[in-house]
């Protein structure tokens, strides 16, 4: 778990050296708002550059005022434009923040409140577009919006940054905003406090997000390339070759249970115990650590 803060123009000039010394590991910086680049946060570039200079990991958030999906996509275009100087430098997500002020603006423009479905569609339109530019994105939401289903689709598709001041998070999230009245050295007045539960720097670099180059897949070889059919009770041994300890799994251990046998250099040997009913089958998957699992063969019970 890493401690962080999220900041905007309301914190004014920040002494990032003092923030760093306070034990803060990451900062989420407001990028801007709405569908005009002139509405960039006036401290955005300063905060990003100075936080990076102190070695903090940096991400950001964009405050949405969309009244249509097209509006949300335009906001994503502007956000991407503002982020260009920092490709290959940001190791935390870029969030979409659509909340009470956003809904109030919609009401003034449209003469009614936005529906949950509309709010969800605006968030997905922004996040889908920004992701298409190569950024690692997430959705910022509070408990009220989460419980009421305003981001029903977005919270399933994307990582969640959850404002929950009740202690441990009530819902699954990668980042939790734990309070709004934090006191951190180098910042005058209060600041939002956050904690991160995921290793975003590793995820972003491994995935090739935020302007980083995705590393080539680690070679994983397996000595079994065709389906294996055995009676229930039989054992089959296969070999996986990899220069790192591979991830190996069975899709259904009730059909074929997997057991590690031994290692010989870069060769890893595994036993499959066939234990399912006649005619059942399951996939056997392998990958290098941190990479997507791929099915290699099927284990079928005769």
Protein backbone atom coordinates (compact mmCIF):
# COMPACT_ATOMS: atom_id res chain seq x y z
CA UNK A 1 0.00 0.00 0.00
CA UNK A 2 1.39 3.39 -1.05
CA UNK A 3 0.34 6.76 0.36
CA UNK A 4 -0.61 9.52 -2.03
CA UNK A 5 -2.44 12.82 -2.49
CA UNK A 6 -4.58 14.41 -5.18
CA UNK A 7 -4.10 18.10 -5.86
CA UNK A 8 -5.35 20.99 -7.97
CA UNK A 9 -5.19 24.78 -8.09
CA UNK A 10 -6.83 24.90 -4.67
CA UNK A 11 -3.56 23.81 -3.03
CA UNK A 12 -1.82 26.67 -4.86
CA UNK A 13 1.99 26.56 -4.75
CA UNK A 14 3.23 23.26 -3.33
CA UNK A 15 6.66 22.54 -1.87
CA UNK A 16 7.16 19.12 -3.42
CA UNK A 17 10.45 18.53 -1.61
CA UNK A 18 8.56 18.70 1.69
CA UNK A 19 5.77 16.50 0.31
CA UNK A 20 8.33 13.89 -0.67
CA UNK A 21 9.95 14.05 2.76
CA UNK A 22 6.50 13.55 4.34
CA UNK A 23 6.41 10.02 2.87
CA UNK A 24 4.03 10.63 -0.01
CA UNK A 25 4.70 8.19 -2.84
CA UNK A 26 2.35 9.35 -5.57
CA UNK A 27 0.37 12.38 -6.67
CA UNK A 28 -2.79 12.57 -8.78
CA UNK A 29 -2.84 16.00 -10.39
CA UNK A 30 -5.89 17.72 -11.84
CA UNK A 31 -5.35 18.19 -15.56
CA UNK A 32 -8.29 20.36 -16.47
CA UNK A 33 -12.03 20.38 -17.03
CA UNK A 34 -14.71 20.66 -19.68
CA UNK A 35 -14.32 20.84 -23.44
CA UNK A 36 -11.87 23.73 -23.76
CA UNK A 37 -8.09 23.44 -23.38
CA UNK A 38 -8.11 26.93 -21.87
CA UNK A 39 -9.68 25.31 -18.81
CA UNK A 40 -6.50 23.41 -17.97
CA UNK A 41 -5.71 23.59 -14.28
CA UNK A 42 -3.30 26.55 -13.92
CA UNK A 43 -1.01 24.48 -11.67
CA UNK A 44 -1.15 21.28 -13.76
CA UNK A 45 2.21 21.53 -15.51
CA UNK A 46 4.01 22.93 -12.46
CA UNK A 47 2.66 20.21 -10.19
CA UNK A 48 3.50 17.39 -12.60
CA UNK A 49 7.01 18.61 -13.35
CA UNK A 50 7.94 19.32 -9.74
CA UNK A 51 6.45 16.08 -8.41
CA UNK A 52 8.35 14.11 -11.05
CA UNK A 53 11.53 16.00 -10.21
CA UNK A 54 11.20 14.78 -6.60
CA UNK A 55 10.81 11.16 -7.77
CA UNK A 56 7.10 10.81 -6.97
CA UNK A 57 4.94 8.67 -9.22
CA UNK A 58 2.36 10.85 -10.95
CA UNK A 59 -1.09 10.32 -12.45
CA UNK A 60 -3.92 12.70 -13.12
CA UNK A 61 -7.62 13.34 -13.32
CA UNK A 62 -9.91 15.30 -15.61
CA UNK A 63 -13.10 16.89 -14.31
CA UNK A 64 -15.98 16.28 -16.69
CA UNK A 65 -18.87 18.55 -17.59
CA UNK A 66 -20.13 16.52 -20.53
CA UNK A 67 -23.78 16.72 -21.54
CA UNK A 68 -23.40 14.13 -24.30
CA UNK A 69 -21.09 11.31 -25.31
CA UNK A 70 -19.63 13.57 -28.01
CA UNK A 71 -18.82 16.13 -25.31
CA UNK A 72 -17.09 13.46 -23.23
CA UNK A 73 -15.02 12.37 -26.23
CA UNK A 74 -13.97 15.97 -26.84
CA UNK A 75 -12.93 16.24 -23.20
CA UNK A 76 -10.80 13.12 -23.69
CA UNK A 77 -9.21 14.67 -26.78
CA UNK A 78 -8.28 17.78 -24.81
CA UNK A 79 -7.00 15.69 -21.90
CA UNK A 80 -4.80 13.71 -24.28
CA UNK A 81 -3.47 16.95 -25.79
CA UNK A 82 -2.54 18.32 -22.36
CA UNK A 83 -0.83 15.05 -21.41
CA UNK A 84 1.44 14.88 -24.46
CA UNK A 85 4.54 16.39 -22.77
CA UNK A 86 4.43 13.61 -20.18
CA UNK A 87 4.31 10.49 -22.35
CA UNK A 88 6.72 7.96 -20.91
CA UNK A 89 6.79 9.79 -17.56
CA UNK A 90 3.50 9.08 -15.76
CA UNK A 91 3.23 5.82 -13.82
CA UNK A 92 -0.25 6.23 -12.30
CA UNK A 93 -3.67 6.21 -13.98
CA UNK A 94 -5.57 9.07 -15.60
CA UNK A 95 -9.07 9.32 -14.11
CA UNK A 96 -12.38 10.75 -15.26
CA UNK A 97 -14.13 12.69 -12.49
CA UNK A 98 -17.85 13.31 -13.08
CA UNK A 99 -19.82 14.13 -9.97
CA UNK A 100 -22.25 16.58 -8.33
CA UNK A 101 -21.02 19.79 -10.00
CA UNK A 102 -21.05 17.97 -13.31
CA UNK A 103 -24.68 16.92 -12.84
CA UNK A 104 -25.61 20.46 -11.76
CA UNK A 105 -24.14 21.82 -15.00
CA UNK A 106 -26.11 19.25 -17.03
CA UNK A 107 -29.26 20.38 -15.22
CA UNK A 108 -28.64 24.02 -16.10
CA UNK A 109 -28.04 23.19 -19.76
CA UNK A 110 -30.74 20.56 -20.26
CA UNK A 111 -33.34 21.65 -17.72
CA UNK A 112 -33.33 18.24 -16.03
CA UNK A 113 -31.03 15.91 -14.12
CA UNK A 114 -28.93 13.40 -16.07
CA UNK A 115 -30.02 9.79 -15.80
CA UNK A 116 -27.71 7.15 -14.39
CA UNK A 117 -27.43 5.68 -17.86
CA UNK A 118 -26.35 9.02 -19.33
CA UNK A 119 -23.71 9.57 -16.65
CA UNK A 120 -22.38 6.06 -17.20
CA UNK A 121 -22.27 6.60 -20.97
CA UNK A 122 -20.35 9.88 -20.58
CA UNK A 123 -17.75 8.19 -18.39
CA UNK A 124 -17.34 5.26 -20.78
CA UNK A 125 -17.11 7.60 -23.80
CA UNK A 126 -14.30 9.58 -22.14
CA UNK A 127 -12.42 6.54 -20.85
CA UNK A 128 -12.77 4.55 -24.07
CA UNK A 129 -11.41 7.49 -26.09
CA UNK A 130 -8.53 8.25 -23.74
CA UNK A 131 -7.59 4.58 -23.53
CA UNK A 132 -7.48 4.48 -27.33
CA UNK A 133 -4.68 7.06 -27.11
CA UNK A 134 -2.67 4.62 -25.01
CA UNK A 135 -3.31 5.94 -21.50
CA UNK A 136 -4.02 3.74 -18.47
CA UNK A 137 -7.39 5.08 -17.30
CA UNK A 138 -9.66 4.71 -14.29
CA UNK A 139 -12.95 6.11 -13.02
CA UNK A 140 -13.19 8.34 -9.95
CA UNK A 141 -16.39 7.86 -7.97
CA UNK A 142 -17.75 8.28 -4.46
CA UNK A 143 -19.86 5.88 -2.43
CA UNK A 144 -23.12 7.61 -3.35
CA UNK A 145 -22.46 7.37 -7.09
CA UNK A 146 -21.21 3.81 -6.78
CA UNK A 147 -24.17 2.57 -4.74
CA UNK A 148 -26.73 4.31 -6.95
CA UNK A 149 -25.34 2.66 -10.09
CA UNK A 150 -24.36 5.85 -11.89
CA UNK A 151 -21.22 4.13 -13.21
CA UNK A 152 -22.66 0.64 -13.58
CA UNK A 153 -20.69 -0.17 -16.74
CA UNK A 154 -17.63 1.98 -16.09
CA UNK A 155 -16.77 0.31 -12.77
CA UNK A 156 -16.86 -3.08 -14.49
CA UNK A 157 -14.74 -2.06 -17.47
CA UNK A 158 -12.18 0.10 -15.70
CA UNK A 159 -10.07 0.38 -12.59
CA UNK A 160 -11.76 2.33 -9.78
CA UNK A 161 -10.54 5.26 -7.70
CA UNK A 162 -13.05 5.32 -4.84
CA UNK A 163 -13.74 8.19 -2.45
CA UNK A 164 -14.57 6.30 0.74
CA UNK A 165 -13.78 7.90 4.08
CA UNK A 166 -15.28 5.09 6.21
CA UNK A 167 -12.10 3.06 6.74
CA UNK A 168 -11.39 0.09 4.49
CA UNK A 169 -13.04 0.48 1.07
CA UNK A 170 -16.62 -0.75 0.83
CA UNK A 171 -16.14 -1.74 -2.82
CA UNK A 172 -13.21 -3.12 -4.85
CA UNK A 173 -10.84 -0.36 -5.95
CA UNK A 174 -7.24 0.18 -6.98
CA UNK A 175 -7.00 3.56 -5.27
CA UNK A 176 -8.98 4.80 -2.29
CA UNK A 177 -9.39 8.46 -1.42
CA UNK A 178 -9.45 8.24 2.36
CA UNK A 179 -10.10 11.85 3.37
CA UNK A 180 -10.35 15.45 2.24
CA UNK A 181 -8.81 17.26 5.20
CA UNK A 182 -5.30 15.82 5.23
CA UNK A 183 -2.34 17.80 6.49
CA UNK A 184 0.86 17.24 4.53
CA UNK A 185 4.14 19.10 4.88
CA UNK A 186 4.70 21.47 1.98
CA UNK A 187 0.98 22.15 1.44
CA UNK A 188 -0.86 25.07 3.01
CA UNK A 189 -4.31 24.06 4.17
CA UNK A 190 -5.96 20.69 3.67
CA UNK A 191 -5.45 18.17 0.88
CA UNK A 192 -7.13 14.95 -0.25
CA UNK A 193 -5.38 11.80 0.94
CA UNK A 194 -5.22 8.56 -1.02
CA UNK A 195 -3.81 5.05 -0.79
CA UNK A 196 -2.96 2.77 -3.70
CA UNK A 197 -3.43 -0.99 -3.46
CA UNK A 198 -1.97 -1.91 -6.84
CA UNK A 199 1.50 -1.76 -8.37
CA UNK A 200 0.57 0.72 -11.09
CA UNK A 201 4.15 1.48 -12.18
CA UNK A 202 4.71 -2.20 -12.98
CA UNK A 203 1.30 -2.59 -14.63
CA UNK A 204 1.66 0.52 -16.79
CA UNK A 205 5.17 -0.29 -17.97
CA UNK A 206 4.39 -3.97 -18.59
CA UNK A 207 1.26 -3.03 -20.53
CA UNK A 208 2.94 -0.35 -22.60
CA UNK A 209 0.60 2.40 -21.37
CA UNK A 210 1.22 6.14 -20.88
CA UNK A 211 3.86 6.30 -23.60
CA UNK A 212 6.00 3.45 -22.32
CA UNK A 213 7.18 0.74 -24.70
CA UNK A 214 5.66 -2.62 -23.93
CA UNK A 215 8.46 -5.13 -23.31
CA UNK A 216 8.55 -8.19 -25.55
CA UNK A 217 6.83 -11.28 -24.24
CA UNK A 218 9.11 -13.63 -22.34
CA UNK A 219 9.46 -16.88 -24.27
CA UNK A 220 7.52 -19.75 -22.73
CA UNK A 221 7.84 -23.19 -24.29
CA UNK A 222 5.86 -26.28 -23.39
CA UNK A 223 6.58 -29.83 -24.46
CA UNK A 224 2.89 -30.70 -24.90
CA UNK A 225 1.13 -29.19 -27.91
CA UNK A 226 -1.80 -31.56 -28.44
CA UNK A 227 -4.70 -32.47 -26.17
CA UNK A 228 -4.03 -35.19 -23.61
CA UNK A 229 -6.68 -37.85 -22.99
CA UNK A 230 -6.34 -40.06 -19.91
CA UNK A 231 -8.62 -42.20 -17.75
CA UNK A 232 -9.67 -40.82 -14.39
CA UNK A 233 -6.95 -41.63 -11.85
CA UNK A 234 -4.06 -41.35 -14.32
CA UNK A 235 -1.20 -38.84 -14.02
CA UNK A 236 0.46 -36.98 -16.88
CA UNK A 237 3.73 -35.01 -16.59
CA UNK A 238 4.59 -32.04 -18.81
CA UNK A 239 7.47 -29.57 -19.00
CA UNK A 240 7.42 -25.78 -19.22
CA UNK A 241 10.62 -23.95 -20.21
CA UNK A 242 11.02 -20.30 -19.19
CA UNK A 243 13.84 -18.10 -17.88
CA UNK A 244 11.49 -16.95 -15.09
CA UNK A 245 9.23 -19.04 -12.88
CA UNK A 246 6.14 -19.42 -15.10
CA UNK A 247 2.51 -19.08 -14.12
CA UNK A 248 0.78 -22.39 -14.78
CA UNK A 249 -2.85 -23.20 -14.04
CA UNK A 250 -5.66 -25.59 -14.83
CA UNK A 251 -9.02 -24.21 -15.83
CA UNK A 252 -10.88 -26.71 -13.66
CA UNK A 253 -9.00 -28.61 -10.92
CA UNK A 254 -12.02 -30.91 -10.51
CA UNK A 255 -11.26 -32.28 -13.97
CA UNK A 256 -7.45 -32.25 -13.84
CA UNK A 257 -5.59 -31.16 -10.72
CA UNK A 258 -2.18 -29.52 -11.17
CA UNK A 259 0.89 -30.17 -8.99
CA UNK A 260 4.40 -28.75 -9.30
CA UNK A 261 6.95 -31.54 -9.55
CA UNK A 262 10.48 -30.16 -9.84
CA UNK A 263 12.76 -27.64 -11.51
CA UNK A 264 15.86 -28.32 -13.57
CA UNK A 265 17.46 -25.03 -14.66
CA UNK A 266 14.87 -23.25 -16.81
CA UNK A 267 12.75 -26.40 -17.09
CA UNK A 268 9.73 -26.69 -14.77
CA UNK A 269 7.91 -30.01 -14.48
CA UNK A 270 4.25 -30.38 -13.51
CA UNK A 271 1.95 -33.34 -12.81
CA UNK A 272 -1.65 -33.41 -13.98
CA UNK A 273 -3.90 -35.75 -12.01
CA UNK A 274 -6.99 -36.66 -14.02
CA UNK A 275 -9.88 -36.76 -11.56
CA UNK A 276 -13.00 -35.69 -13.45
CA UNK A 277 -15.86 -37.71 -14.82
CA UNK A 278 -15.69 -39.41 -18.19
CA UNK A 279 -15.95 -36.91 -21.05
CA UNK A 280 -15.02 -33.84 -19.01
CA UNK A 281 -12.17 -31.58 -20.11
CA UNK A 282 -10.28 -28.45 -19.06
CA UNK A 283 -7.68 -26.11 -20.46
CA UNK A 284 -4.09 -25.93 -19.22
CA UNK A 285 -2.68 -22.38 -19.24
CA UNK A 286 0.83 -20.93 -18.95
CA UNK A 287 2.52 -17.53 -19.14
CA UNK A 288 5.59 -15.69 -17.96
CA UNK A 289 5.02 -13.68 -14.75
CA UNK A 290 2.88 -10.59 -15.36
CA UNK A 291 1.79 -11.64 -18.85
CA UNK A 292 -1.57 -12.86 -20.12
CA UNK A 293 -2.26 -16.55 -19.63
CA UNK A 294 -2.61 -18.60 -22.83
CA UNK A 295 -4.21 -21.99 -23.23
CA UNK A 296 -1.59 -24.56 -24.32
CA UNK A 297 -3.54 -27.80 -24.48
CA UNK A 298 -6.63 -29.48 -23.14
CA UNK A 299 -6.74 -32.27 -20.59
CA UNK A 300 -9.62 -34.66 -21.30
CA UNK A 301 -10.90 -37.50 -19.14
CA UNK A 302 -11.47 -40.67 -21.19
